[in-house]
Protein backbone atom coordinates (compact mmCIF):
# COMPACT_ATOMS: atom_id res chain seq x y z
CA MET A 1 17.17 -65.72 58.85
CA THR A 2 17.73 -69.51 59.54
CA ARG A 3 21.33 -70.27 59.99
CA PRO A 4 22.47 -73.12 57.67
CA GLU A 5 24.07 -76.29 59.17
CA ASN A 6 27.78 -76.63 58.41
CA PRO A 7 29.99 -79.35 60.01
CA ASP A 8 33.06 -77.32 59.32
CA LEU A 9 32.07 -74.31 61.40
CA ASP A 10 33.83 -75.62 64.49
CA GLN A 11 37.07 -76.58 62.88
CA GLY A 12 39.37 -73.70 63.95
CA SER A 13 38.83 -70.09 64.69
CA THR A 14 40.52 -68.81 61.49
CA ARG A 15 38.46 -70.97 59.22
CA SER A 16 35.36 -70.29 61.25
CA ALA A 17 35.95 -66.57 61.13
CA ARG A 18 36.66 -66.68 57.44
CA ALA A 19 33.50 -68.69 56.80
CA SER A 20 31.50 -66.38 59.03
CA GLY A 21 32.74 -63.32 57.22
CA SER A 22 31.98 -64.80 53.86
CA VAL A 23 28.33 -65.53 54.92
CA ARG A 24 27.87 -62.03 56.22
CA SER A 25 29.29 -60.48 52.99
CA ALA A 26 26.95 -62.49 50.77
CA SER A 27 23.97 -61.67 52.93
CA THR A 28 24.87 -57.96 52.91
CA ASP A 29 25.23 -57.83 49.19
CA ALA A 30 21.85 -59.48 48.72
CA VAL A 31 20.26 -57.00 51.06
CA ASP A 32 21.95 -54.10 49.34
CA GLU A 33 20.95 -55.32 45.88
CA ALA A 34 17.31 -55.78 47.01
CA LEU A 35 17.30 -52.31 48.59
CA LYS A 36 18.64 -50.71 45.50
CA THR A 37 16.04 -52.39 43.25
CA ARG A 38 13.18 -51.44 45.62
CA THR A 39 14.54 -47.88 45.81
CA MET A 40 14.56 -47.49 42.03
CA ASP A 41 11.15 -49.23 41.61
CA GLU A 42 9.47 -46.94 44.17
CA ALA A 43 11.27 -43.70 43.31
CA PRO A 44 8.98 -40.72 42.59
CA VAL A 45 10.80 -39.90 39.37
CA GLY A 46 11.09 -41.93 36.20
CA ILE A 47 14.29 -44.02 36.07
CA THR A 48 15.59 -45.84 33.05
CA ILE A 49 18.78 -47.81 32.39
CA ALA A 50 20.08 -48.22 28.87
CA ASP A 51 22.77 -50.74 27.80
CA ALA A 52 25.55 -48.67 26.26
CA SER A 53 27.32 -51.73 24.89
CA GLN A 54 24.38 -52.70 22.66
CA PRO A 55 23.64 -51.14 19.26
CA ASP A 56 21.09 -48.22 19.56
CA MET A 57 21.38 -48.43 23.43
CA PRO A 58 18.12 -50.31 24.22
CA LEU A 59 16.48 -49.91 27.69
CA ILE A 60 17.06 -52.80 30.03
CA TYR A 61 15.17 -51.31 32.94
CA VAL A 62 12.32 -48.81 33.55
CA ASN A 63 10.61 -48.18 36.93
CA ALA A 64 6.98 -47.71 37.85
CA ALA A 65 7.16 -43.89 37.91
CA PHE A 66 8.20 -43.95 34.28
CA GLU A 67 5.22 -46.07 33.36
CA ARG A 68 2.88 -43.74 35.31
CA MET A 69 4.39 -40.71 33.64
CA THR A 70 4.54 -41.93 30.07
CA GLY A 71 1.92 -44.72 29.91
CA TYR A 72 4.44 -47.19 28.47
CA SER A 73 4.90 -50.46 30.45
CA PRO A 74 8.25 -52.10 31.08
CA SER A 75 7.32 -54.91 28.67
CA TYR A 76 6.93 -52.35 25.88
CA ALA A 77 9.86 -50.04 26.81
CA VAL A 78 12.55 -52.66 27.56
CA GLY A 79 14.46 -53.52 24.42
CA ARG A 80 13.78 -50.22 22.67
CA ASN A 81 15.62 -46.95 22.49
CA CYS A 82 13.99 -44.24 24.56
CA ARG A 83 13.35 -42.05 21.47
CA PHE A 84 9.84 -43.57 21.21
CA LEU A 85 8.88 -40.66 23.54
CA GLN A 86 9.68 -38.19 20.82
CA GLY A 87 7.22 -36.70 18.29
CA GLU A 88 6.51 -33.85 15.85
CA GLU A 89 7.01 -31.01 18.36
CA THR A 90 10.21 -32.43 19.96
CA ARG A 91 12.88 -29.86 19.16
CA GLU A 92 16.13 -30.98 17.70
CA LYS A 93 18.46 -28.89 19.87
CA PRO A 94 17.94 -30.75 23.23
CA VAL A 95 18.08 -34.12 21.39
CA ARG A 96 21.37 -33.01 19.80
CA GLN A 97 22.72 -32.06 23.32
CA MET A 98 21.97 -35.53 24.65
CA ARG A 99 23.53 -37.17 21.61
CA THR A 100 26.69 -35.13 22.06
CA ALA A 101 26.90 -35.93 25.76
CA ILE A 102 26.52 -39.68 25.08
CA GLU A 103 29.29 -39.50 22.40
CA ASN A 104 31.55 -37.78 24.92
CA GLY A 105 30.64 -40.08 27.83
CA GLU A 106 29.23 -37.13 29.88
CA ALA A 107 26.20 -36.35 31.89
CA VAL A 108 23.61 -33.79 30.74
CA THR A 109 20.22 -32.34 31.73
CA VAL A 110 17.69 -31.09 29.01
CA GLU A 111 14.00 -30.31 28.74
CA LEU A 112 12.12 -32.10 25.96
CA ARG A 113 8.70 -31.94 24.51
CA ASN A 114 7.73 -35.60 24.72
CA TYR A 115 4.51 -37.66 24.05
CA ARG A 116 2.69 -40.05 26.30
CA ARG A 117 1.34 -43.29 24.95
CA SER A 118 -2.15 -41.60 24.81
CA GLY A 119 -0.69 -39.05 22.38
CA ASP A 120 -0.73 -36.17 24.92
CA ARG A 121 2.27 -33.90 24.95
CA PHE A 122 4.21 -33.12 28.13
CA TRP A 123 7.43 -31.38 29.13
CA ASN A 124 10.05 -33.87 30.31
CA GLU A 125 13.15 -32.84 32.25
CA VAL A 126 15.66 -35.54 31.43
CA THR A 127 19.08 -36.09 33.17
CA ILE A 128 21.26 -38.81 31.78
CA ALA A 129 24.54 -39.96 33.34
CA PRO A 130 27.12 -42.71 32.35
CA LEU A 131 27.90 -45.80 34.45
CA ARG A 132 31.35 -47.19 33.78
CA ASP A 133 32.75 -50.76 34.29
CA GLU A 134 35.99 -51.71 35.93
CA SER A 135 38.00 -50.82 32.78
CA GLY A 136 36.53 -47.28 32.70
CA GLU A 137 34.35 -47.90 29.69
CA VAL A 138 30.76 -46.63 29.69
CA ALA A 139 28.62 -49.70 30.25
CA TYR A 140 25.20 -48.16 30.94
CA TYR A 141 23.40 -44.90 30.82
CA VAL A 142 20.98 -44.16 33.60
CA GLY A 143 18.21 -41.65 32.98
CA PHE A 144 16.11 -39.63 35.42
CA GLN A 145 12.91 -38.24 33.98
CA GLN A 146 10.50 -35.76 35.54
CA ASP A 147 7.14 -34.24 34.24
CA VAL A 148 7.68 -30.48 34.47
CA THR A 149 4.69 -29.44 32.43
CA ARG A 150 3.10 -27.38 35.12
CA ARG A 151 6.26 -25.49 35.73
CA LYS A 152 6.81 -24.80 32.02
CA ARG A 153 3.23 -23.65 31.63
CA ALA A 154 3.64 -21.22 34.53
CA GLU A 155 6.94 -19.98 33.08
CA GLN A 156 5.33 -19.60 29.62
CA ALA A 157 2.34 -17.69 31.11
CA ALA A 158 4.73 -15.25 32.90
CA SER A 159 6.74 -14.85 29.75
CA ASP A 160 3.64 -14.33 27.63
CA ARG A 161 2.32 -11.71 30.08
CA ALA A 162 5.66 -9.83 30.07
CA THR A 163 5.77 -10.00 26.29
CA ARG A 164 2.17 -8.83 26.02
CA ILE A 165 2.86 -5.83 28.31
CA GLU A 166 5.92 -4.94 26.26
CA HIS A 167 4.00 -5.52 23.06
CA GLU A 168 1.30 -3.12 24.19
CA ARG A 169 3.75 -0.55 25.14
CA THR A 170 5.56 -0.72 21.90
CA ALA A 171 2.31 -0.73 19.92
CA GLN A 172 1.13 2.39 21.76
CA ALA A 173 4.44 4.12 21.05
CA ARG A 174 4.25 3.09 17.40
CA LEU A 175 0.67 4.30 17.13
CA LEU A 176 1.69 7.72 18.33
CA GLU A 177 4.50 7.74 15.77
CA ARG A 178 2.02 6.93 13.03
CA LEU A 179 -0.43 9.57 14.26
CA ASP A 180 2.40 12.14 14.05
CA GLY A 181 3.74 10.77 10.78
CA VAL A 182 1.39 9.23 8.28
CA VAL A 183 -1.56 11.45 9.01
CA ALA A 184 0.60 14.59 8.59
CA ASP A 185 2.07 13.20 5.37
CA VAL A 186 -1.29 12.27 3.89
CA THR A 187 -2.77 15.58 4.86
CA GLU A 188 0.03 17.36 3.16
CA ALA A 189 -0.32 15.20 0.08
CA VAL A 190 -4.00 16.05 -0.11
CA ALA A 191 -3.35 19.76 0.32
CA LEU A 192 -0.68 19.93 -2.36
CA ALA A 193 -2.23 17.59 -5.00
CA SER A 194 -3.38 19.33 -8.22
CA SER A 195 -5.05 16.28 -9.76
CA ARG A 196 -6.72 13.13 -8.68
CA GLU A 197 -3.96 10.94 -10.07
CA GLU A 198 -1.31 12.98 -8.26
CA LEU A 199 -3.31 12.69 -5.02
CA ARG A 200 -3.53 8.88 -5.41
CA ARG A 201 0.25 8.48 -5.95
CA ALA A 202 1.12 10.74 -3.06
CA VAL A 203 -1.30 9.12 -0.60
CA VAL A 204 -0.12 5.50 -1.28
CA ARG A 205 3.46 6.59 -1.15
CA SER A 206 2.96 8.25 2.24
CA ILE A 207 1.07 5.25 3.61
CA ALA A 208 3.59 2.70 2.34
CA ASP A 209 6.41 4.68 4.01
CA THR A 210 4.81 3.78 7.35
CA TYR A 211 3.19 0.39 6.60
CA SER A 212 4.53 -2.36 4.39
CA SER A 213 2.43 -1.64 1.21
CA ALA A 214 -0.74 0.16 0.00
CA TRP A 215 -2.92 0.64 -3.09
CA ILE A 216 -5.85 2.88 -3.77
CA GLY A 217 -8.83 1.96 -6.07
CA THR A 218 -11.85 3.67 -7.52
CA TYR A 219 -15.36 2.40 -6.91
CA ASP A 220 -17.44 1.75 -10.06
CA PRO A 221 -21.13 1.44 -9.00
CA ALA A 222 -22.11 0.05 -12.47
CA THR A 223 -20.01 -3.04 -12.18
CA GLU A 224 -19.82 -2.98 -8.38
CA THR A 225 -16.07 -3.33 -8.49
CA VAL A 226 -13.06 -1.46 -7.08
CA GLU A 227 -10.37 -0.84 -9.69
CA PRO A 228 -6.73 -0.27 -8.40
CA HIS A 229 -5.19 2.86 -9.82
CA ALA A 230 -2.05 3.47 -7.86
CA SER A 231 0.05 1.15 -5.65
CA GLU A 232 3.26 1.31 -3.59
CA GLY A 233 5.16 -1.82 -2.49
CA GLU A 234 5.04 -5.37 -3.76
CA VAL A 235 1.57 -6.33 -2.57
CA GLY A 236 -0.60 -3.97 -4.53
CA VAL A 237 1.07 -4.60 -7.92
CA ALA A 238 -0.56 -7.96 -8.57
CA VAL A 239 -4.06 -7.01 -7.35
CA GLU A 240 -6.74 -6.86 -10.02
CA SER A 241 -10.25 -5.48 -9.76
CA VAL A 242 -12.16 -6.47 -6.65
CA SER A 243 -15.85 -7.30 -6.78
CA VAL A 244 -17.81 -5.71 -3.96
CA ALA A 245 -21.21 -7.04 -4.98
CA ALA A 246 -23.09 -8.91 -2.21
CA GLY A 247 -22.09 -12.58 -2.32
CA ASP A 248 -19.33 -12.03 -4.92
CA ALA A 249 -16.42 -11.10 -2.68
CA GLY A 250 -13.65 -13.58 -2.94
CA ASP A 251 -11.99 -15.66 -0.19
CA ARG A 252 -8.77 -13.62 -0.06
CA PRO A 253 -8.45 -11.29 2.94
CA VAL A 254 -8.01 -8.17 0.74
CA GLU A 255 -11.20 -8.92 -1.16
CA ALA A 256 -13.17 -9.36 2.07
CA ALA A 257 -11.76 -6.12 3.56
CA VAL A 258 -12.37 -4.05 0.47
CA ALA A 259 -15.99 -5.33 -0.03
CA ALA A 260 -16.85 -4.78 3.64
CA ALA A 261 -15.37 -1.26 3.54
CA VAL A 262 -17.56 -0.27 0.56
CA ALA A 263 -20.68 -1.93 1.99
CA ASP A 264 -20.40 -0.74 5.61
CA ARG A 265 -18.46 2.49 5.10
CA ARG A 266 -16.19 1.51 7.92
CA VAL A 267 -12.57 0.41 8.15
CA ARG A 268 -12.42 -3.44 7.83
CA LEU A 269 -9.39 -5.27 9.27
CA GLU A 270 -8.51 -8.77 8.09
CA PRO A 271 -5.67 -11.07 9.15
CA ILE A 272 -3.57 -12.64 6.34
CA GLY A 273 -2.83 -16.35 6.75
CA PRO A 274 0.39 -18.06 5.76
CA GLU A 275 -1.31 -19.52 2.68
CA ASP A 276 -1.81 -16.01 1.20
CA PRO A 277 1.03 -14.84 -1.07
CA ALA A 278 0.98 -11.35 0.44
CA GLU A 279 4.07 -10.44 2.38
CA ALA A 280 2.06 -9.01 5.26
CA ALA A 281 0.32 -10.07 8.48
CA ALA A 282 -2.92 -8.11 8.05
CA VAL A 283 -4.79 -5.93 5.53
CA ALA A 284 -7.27 -3.05 6.09
CA GLY A 285 -9.85 -1.76 3.70
CA VAL A 286 -10.26 1.95 4.25
CA PRO A 287 -13.46 3.47 2.61
CA LEU A 288 -13.17 6.82 0.84
CA HIS A 289 -16.62 8.48 1.17
CA PHE A 290 -17.84 12.04 1.48
CA GLY A 291 -21.50 12.74 2.01
CA GLU A 292 -23.44 10.30 -0.17
CA ALA A 293 -20.62 9.59 -2.52
CA THR A 294 -18.25 6.59 -2.25
CA TYR A 295 -15.02 7.35 -4.16
CA GLY A 296 -13.16 4.13 -3.59
CA VAL A 297 -11.02 2.24 -1.05
CA ILE A 298 -7.42 2.29 0.19
CA ALA A 299 -5.93 -1.21 0.89
CA VAL A 300 -3.33 -0.93 3.59
CA TYR A 301 -1.02 -3.83 4.42
CA ALA A 302 0.97 -4.21 7.68
CA GLN A 303 3.44 -6.79 8.94
CA THR A 304 2.59 -6.69 12.62
CA GLU A 305 -0.36 -8.01 14.60
CA GLU A 306 -0.97 -4.73 16.51
CA PHE A 307 -2.13 -3.34 13.22
CA ARG A 308 -5.41 -5.17 13.71
CA ARG A 309 -5.90 -3.83 17.20
CA HIS A 310 -4.76 -0.21 17.30
CA GLU A 311 -4.99 1.29 13.89
CA ARG A 312 -8.72 1.65 13.10
CA ASP A 313 -9.10 5.29 14.29
CA VAL A 314 -5.93 6.32 12.45
CA LEU A 315 -7.07 4.70 9.20
CA THR A 316 -10.58 6.16 9.50
CA ALA A 317 -9.13 9.62 9.77
CA LEU A 318 -6.89 8.99 6.80
CA GLY A 319 -9.87 7.82 4.62
CA ARG A 320 -11.91 10.92 5.48
CA THR A 321 -8.97 13.19 4.74
CA VAL A 322 -8.38 11.60 1.35
CA ALA A 323 -12.11 11.66 0.47
CA ILE A 324 -12.29 15.37 1.33
CA GLY A 325 -9.30 16.02 -0.95
CA ILE A 326 -10.91 14.08 -3.84
CA ASN A 327 -14.18 16.00 -3.38
CA ALA A 328 -12.28 19.33 -3.41
CA LEU A 329 -10.50 18.41 -6.61
CA GLU A 330 -13.76 17.34 -8.15
CA SER A 331 -15.38 20.64 -7.25
CA GLN A 332 -12.48 22.51 -8.84
CA ARG A 333 -12.82 20.49 -12.06
CA THR A 334 -16.54 21.12 -12.08
CA LEU A 335 -15.95 24.88 -11.85
CA ARG A 336 -13.48 24.74 -14.64
CA GLY A 337 -15.54 22.38 -16.67
CA ASP A 338 -12.61 20.01 -16.93
CA SER A 339 -14.52 16.70 -16.57
CA VAL A 340 -17.94 15.14 -16.15
CA VAL A 341 -19.25 11.80 -15.01
CA ARG A 342 -20.98 9.84 -17.80
CA PHE A 343 -23.08 6.82 -17.11
CA GLN A 344 -25.57 4.70 -18.93
CA LEU A 345 -28.93 3.72 -17.43
CA ALA A 346 -30.98 0.90 -19.00
CA LEU A 347 -34.76 1.20 -18.61
CA ALA A 348 -36.82 -1.96 -19.22
CA SER A 349 -40.05 0.16 -18.93
CA HIS A 350 -39.93 3.30 -21.12
CA PRO A 351 -42.12 4.67 -23.99
CA LEU A 352 -39.14 4.51 -26.37
CA GLY A 353 -38.52 0.82 -25.48
CA SER A 354 -42.23 0.06 -26.12
CA PHE A 355 -42.15 1.94 -29.47
CA SER A 356 -39.04 0.01 -30.57
CA GLU A 357 -40.55 -3.36 -29.51
CA ALA A 358 -43.81 -2.61 -31.38
CA LEU A 359 -41.86 -1.97 -34.59
CA SER A 360 -39.33 -4.83 -33.97
CA CYS A 361 -36.48 -2.44 -34.78
CA SER A 362 -33.74 -0.51 -33.04
CA LEU A 363 -33.71 3.27 -32.56
CA ARG A 364 -30.48 5.32 -32.85
CA HIS A 365 -30.63 8.83 -31.51
CA THR A 366 -29.37 11.23 -34.15
CA GLY A 367 -30.29 14.60 -32.61
CA THR A 368 -32.62 16.76 -30.65
CA VAL A 369 -34.53 19.77 -32.01
CA GLY A 370 -36.39 22.51 -30.19
CA ASP A 371 -38.32 24.42 -32.82
CA ARG A 372 -41.67 23.24 -31.68
CA ALA A 373 -43.61 23.86 -28.44
CA GLU A 374 -41.77 20.93 -26.88
CA ARG A 375 -38.42 19.32 -27.64
CA SER A 376 -38.37 16.49 -30.20
CA LEU A 377 -35.98 13.60 -30.62
CA LEU A 378 -34.81 12.31 -33.99
CA PHE A 379 -34.24 8.62 -34.30
CA GLU A 380 -33.07 6.41 -37.14
CA LEU A 381 -35.23 3.24 -37.40
CA ASP A 382 -32.70 0.49 -37.92
CA GLY A 383 -34.27 -2.57 -39.51
CA ALA A 384 -37.59 -0.83 -40.34
CA ALA A 385 -37.23 -0.29 -44.13
CA ASP A 386 -40.51 -1.90 -44.97
CA VAL A 387 -42.54 -0.13 -42.27
CA ASP A 388 -45.06 2.32 -43.56
CA ALA A 389 -46.25 5.48 -41.97
CA GLU A 390 -49.47 4.02 -40.72
CA THR A 391 -47.63 1.31 -38.85
CA VAL A 392 -45.29 3.87 -37.27
CA HIS A 393 -48.17 5.98 -36.04
CA ALA A 394 -49.99 2.94 -34.63
CA ALA A 395 -46.83 1.79 -32.76
CA ALA A 396 -46.31 5.29 -31.45
CA GLU A 397 -49.89 5.53 -30.11
CA ALA A 398 -49.60 2.16 -28.44
CA ALA A 399 -46.31 3.23 -26.75
CA GLY A 400 -47.47 6.66 -25.65
CA VAL A 401 -45.28 8.70 -27.90
CA SER A 402 -46.11 11.28 -30.60
CA VAL A 403 -44.75 11.14 -34.13
CA ARG A 404 -44.10 14.64 -35.38
CA SER A 405 -42.71 13.70 -38.75
CA ILE A 406 -41.21 10.89 -40.76
CA LEU A 407 -38.11 11.72 -42.89
CA ALA A 408 -36.47 9.62 -45.56
CA ALA A 409 -39.38 7.22 -45.35
CA GLU A 410 -38.43 5.36 -48.47
CA THR A 411 -34.80 4.65 -47.49
CA ASP A 412 -33.27 1.70 -45.60
CA THR A 413 -33.09 3.80 -42.43
CA PRO A 414 -36.06 6.18 -42.13
CA VAL A 415 -35.85 8.94 -39.52
CA VAL A 416 -38.74 9.62 -37.17
CA GLU A 417 -39.19 12.74 -35.07
CA LEU A 418 -40.74 11.77 -31.71
CA SER A 419 -41.86 13.52 -28.52
CA PHE A 420 -43.42 12.14 -25.31
CA ASP A 421 -44.55 13.32 -21.91
CA GLU A 422 -41.95 14.01 -19.23
CA THR A 423 -40.83 10.84 -17.47
CA PRO A 424 -39.54 10.35 -13.88
CA LEU A 425 -36.06 10.01 -15.34
CA ALA A 426 -36.29 13.51 -16.86
CA GLU A 427 -37.31 14.86 -13.48
CA LEU A 428 -34.37 13.22 -11.74
CA ILE A 429 -31.90 14.58 -14.37
CA ARG A 430 -33.23 18.02 -13.84
CA GLU A 431 -33.09 17.66 -10.04
CA TYR A 432 -29.45 16.67 -10.13
CA SER A 433 -28.40 19.14 -12.85
CA GLY A 434 -27.57 16.41 -15.30
CA GLU A 435 -27.84 16.28 -19.11
CA LEU A 436 -29.37 13.58 -21.20
CA CYS A 437 -26.84 13.06 -24.03
CA SER A 438 -28.28 10.27 -26.17
CA TRP A 439 -30.49 7.17 -26.34
CA ASP A 440 -29.92 3.69 -27.64
CA VAL A 441 -33.07 1.58 -27.92
CA SER A 442 -33.26 -2.13 -28.88
CA ASP A 443 -35.11 -5.23 -27.86
CA GLY A 444 -37.58 -3.14 -25.86
CA VAL A 445 -34.90 -1.64 -23.62
CA ALA A 446 -34.05 2.09 -23.72
CA VAL A 447 -30.47 3.00 -22.64
CA ALA A 448 -29.98 6.63 -21.67
CA THR A 449 -26.49 8.18 -21.65
CA ILE A 450 -26.40 10.88 -18.94
CA GLU A 451 -23.64 13.35 -17.94
CA VAL A 452 -23.35 15.17 -14.60
CA GLY A 453 -20.73 17.67 -13.64
CA ARG A 454 -20.07 16.47 -10.09
CA GLU A 455 -19.48 12.88 -9.05
CA ALA A 456 -21.35 13.24 -5.83
CA LEU A 457 -24.39 14.35 -7.79
CA ALA A 458 -23.86 11.68 -10.40
CA ARG A 459 -23.76 8.88 -7.80
CA SER A 460 -26.88 10.28 -6.06
CA LEU A 461 -28.71 10.46 -9.41
CA ALA A 462 -27.73 6.90 -10.31
CA ALA A 463 -28.76 5.64 -6.88
CA ASP A 464 -32.13 7.38 -6.92
CA ALA A 465 -32.85 6.16 -10.50
CA LEU A 466 -32.16 2.58 -9.53
CA GLU A 467 -34.40 2.92 -6.49
CA ARG A 468 -37.29 4.86 -8.11
CA LEU A 469 -37.48 3.47 -11.67
CA SER A 470 -38.85 0.00 -12.10
CA GLY A 471 -36.48 -2.32 -13.94
CA ALA A 472 -33.54 0.22 -14.13
CA ASP A 473 -30.04 -1.12 -14.45
CA LEU A 474 -26.69 0.73 -14.39
CA ARG A 475 -24.77 -0.28 -17.51
CA SER A 476 -21.58 1.83 -17.23
CA TYR A 477 -20.15 4.56 -15.03
CA ARG A 478 -17.07 6.46 -16.05
CA ARG A 479 -15.46 9.92 -15.49
CA ARG A 480 -14.73 11.62 -18.82
CA GLU A 481 -12.25 14.35 -19.21
CA GLN A 482 -13.59 17.19 -21.38
CA THR A 483 -11.37 18.59 -24.11
CA HIS A 484 -11.42 22.32 -24.67
CA GLU A 485 -11.10 22.51 -28.38
CA THR A 486 -9.93 25.82 -29.90
CA ARG A 487 -11.51 27.42 -32.97
CA ARG A 488 -8.35 26.62 -35.01
CA GLU A 489 -8.46 22.97 -33.85
CA PHE A 490 -12.09 22.67 -34.85
CA VAL A 491 -11.54 24.15 -38.32
CA ALA A 492 -8.54 21.86 -38.89
CA GLU A 493 -10.59 18.86 -37.84
CA VAL A 494 -13.42 19.81 -40.21
CA GLU A 495 -11.07 20.42 -43.13
CA SER A 496 -9.50 17.03 -42.55
CA ARG A 497 -12.81 15.41 -43.39
CA LEU A 498 -13.13 17.18 -46.78
CA THR A 499 -11.68 15.87 -50.00
CA PRO A 500 -9.77 18.41 -52.18
CA ARG A 501 -12.78 18.66 -54.62
CA GLN A 502 -15.28 19.14 -51.75
CA ARG A 503 -13.14 21.88 -50.18
CA ALA A 504 -12.64 23.59 -53.59
CA ALA A 505 -16.41 23.58 -54.29
CA LEU A 506 -17.10 24.98 -50.82
CA VAL A 507 -14.42 27.74 -51.03
CA ARG A 508 -15.57 28.81 -54.55
CA ALA A 509 -19.23 28.91 -53.49
CA HIS A 510 -18.47 30.95 -50.40
CA THR A 511 -16.12 33.49 -52.04
CA SER A 512 -18.27 33.96 -55.15
CA GLY A 513 -21.47 34.80 -53.28
CA TYR A 514 -23.24 31.56 -54.16
CA PHE A 515 -24.80 31.39 -50.62
CA GLU A 516 -26.13 34.95 -50.79
CA TRP A 517 -29.75 35.61 -51.88
CA PRO A 518 -30.24 36.37 -54.56
CA HIS A 519 -27.22 34.43 -55.78
CA GLU A 520 -24.30 36.58 -56.90
CA THR A 521 -23.22 33.61 -59.10
CA ASN A 522 -24.72 30.35 -60.23
CA GLY A 523 -23.79 26.76 -60.22
CA ASP A 524 -22.92 26.63 -63.88
CA GLU A 525 -20.18 29.37 -63.53
CA ILE A 526 -18.63 27.59 -60.57
CA ALA A 527 -18.79 24.27 -62.36
CA ASP A 528 -17.06 25.71 -65.35
CA SER A 529 -14.30 27.17 -63.16
CA MET A 530 -13.78 23.71 -61.73
CA GLY A 531 -13.93 21.96 -65.08
CA VAL A 532 -16.89 19.73 -64.00
CA THR A 533 -20.56 19.48 -64.74
CA ARG A 534 -23.10 21.39 -62.62
CA SER A 535 -24.45 18.16 -61.10
CA THR A 536 -20.96 17.11 -60.05
CA PHE A 537 -20.34 20.53 -58.46
CA HIS A 538 -23.57 20.16 -56.45
CA GLN A 539 -22.51 16.68 -55.35
CA HIS A 540 -19.22 18.00 -54.00
CA LEU A 541 -20.91 20.95 -52.32
CA ARG A 542 -23.62 18.92 -50.62
CA ALA A 543 -21.00 16.38 -49.34
CA ALA A 544 -18.96 19.24 -47.86
CA GLN A 545 -22.03 20.76 -46.19
CA ARG A 546 -23.06 17.36 -44.78
CA LYS A 547 -19.64 16.83 -43.28
CA ILE A 548 -19.62 20.29 -41.66
CA ALA A 549 -23.09 19.71 -40.18
CA ALA A 550 -21.95 16.29 -38.82
CA ALA A 551 -18.91 17.85 -37.16
CA ILE A 552 -21.14 20.44 -35.40
CA PHE A 553 -23.86 18.10 -34.22
CA GLU A 554 -21.52 15.39 -33.11
CA ARG A 555 -20.39 17.79 -30.40
């Protein structure tokens, strides 16, 4: 450093020493100030200084390390509060800790989720400390900032691994508990149930005791839907029928799980997102199938993620157990004759449909008779009042059916007795021990109503018919409980159809030997006893006989 010229330097030792000390002090202060500035500028950690005397404490200094770490230059940062580093994922707790420390004039160290100028997130370890003036008031706050993202990631990875290990251990323990609990409970419910409805309620109750909720539904192959029948917990209450037809399954997880369970005959697990109203984390569709028959699905809801990873085998075992129980109950009902499966099969290609189309009328099946070499079917021709016998025979010949007789030909609804060669449907019905109950024919389509004693056989019959018969379509499929009507109940039901006059005519005719041959009495005598004419008596008697015949043949 060049020493400055000063004429007073030689004027006395005291003054010279004082002047010399003053020069050295100023020089040292300048060197110290420059050293401090260089030290902060070149420090490996971010350093900021905020003016505590100004509103919102703007930054008055940031070093180069701060710019490298955050991407914000001094020209941008100076004059702003340092909160511009914060963003959506910055937690409130460490920010509140810094705010409290500043209000109390204290130092504090926190870890913040901050954002670089590029938008990238990083973990910032921030230490702030107050600098006070001569009066003891906080004049500045100096901040030291360090990127600790790598350390935090390593800590998080170690924590995740420890959590995962504990999670796996807990899940395995819970799985064993469920194996010992829910399978045993469901097995007991299946063994003790005396009806299908009782079985459903007991099963969903047992499952819901272990999981959060459950419902059980029956599969309807005609509509390709699963209809819920019993539920336990809040989730299953609001569930309506679930379509399982290809391409029709909805977007909700439960719909996807149920549809896949029916289609694949395997347990399907689906996570439940936060947008779904279900109070659960996942749902499983558990198929209920035994042999060729699919009885339905159990929807099981759980609140934990391990449900999706560890429960498949348990749920598969549950589904098989329940299906076996349903099959056993079905077999018992079949042996007792308590119920049958009734379904309707529409045939676009059938002799009856062709006959109906040729006459442009509908056919209503009114009965079957077997007094000929082959069984004949009786049909009312609805809408064929003006059709003559020649037209009926011509239509029958074209359709491949035989007309045995035409009754009530001159009425609005003539009755025709038909027979035709055995069709593939008749072979299938005989193969699966089914019964053809009735026909409904219109617009060229013949709809057969069929009953089968066992559901497994009914499902197989329906499936084979759809596969083998061209243009076949399943219209409905329902289980029908049979009623065992007593003789007294039948008599009471028949009598309820008769008017007092009709019953009086029938009783008098029976007790006086009118139905014997030769007659023990005649119509005039009975008519006189009733105070009516002979024709009126015969009208009452024929009406009573018609109602009795209808009651018999309707069954």
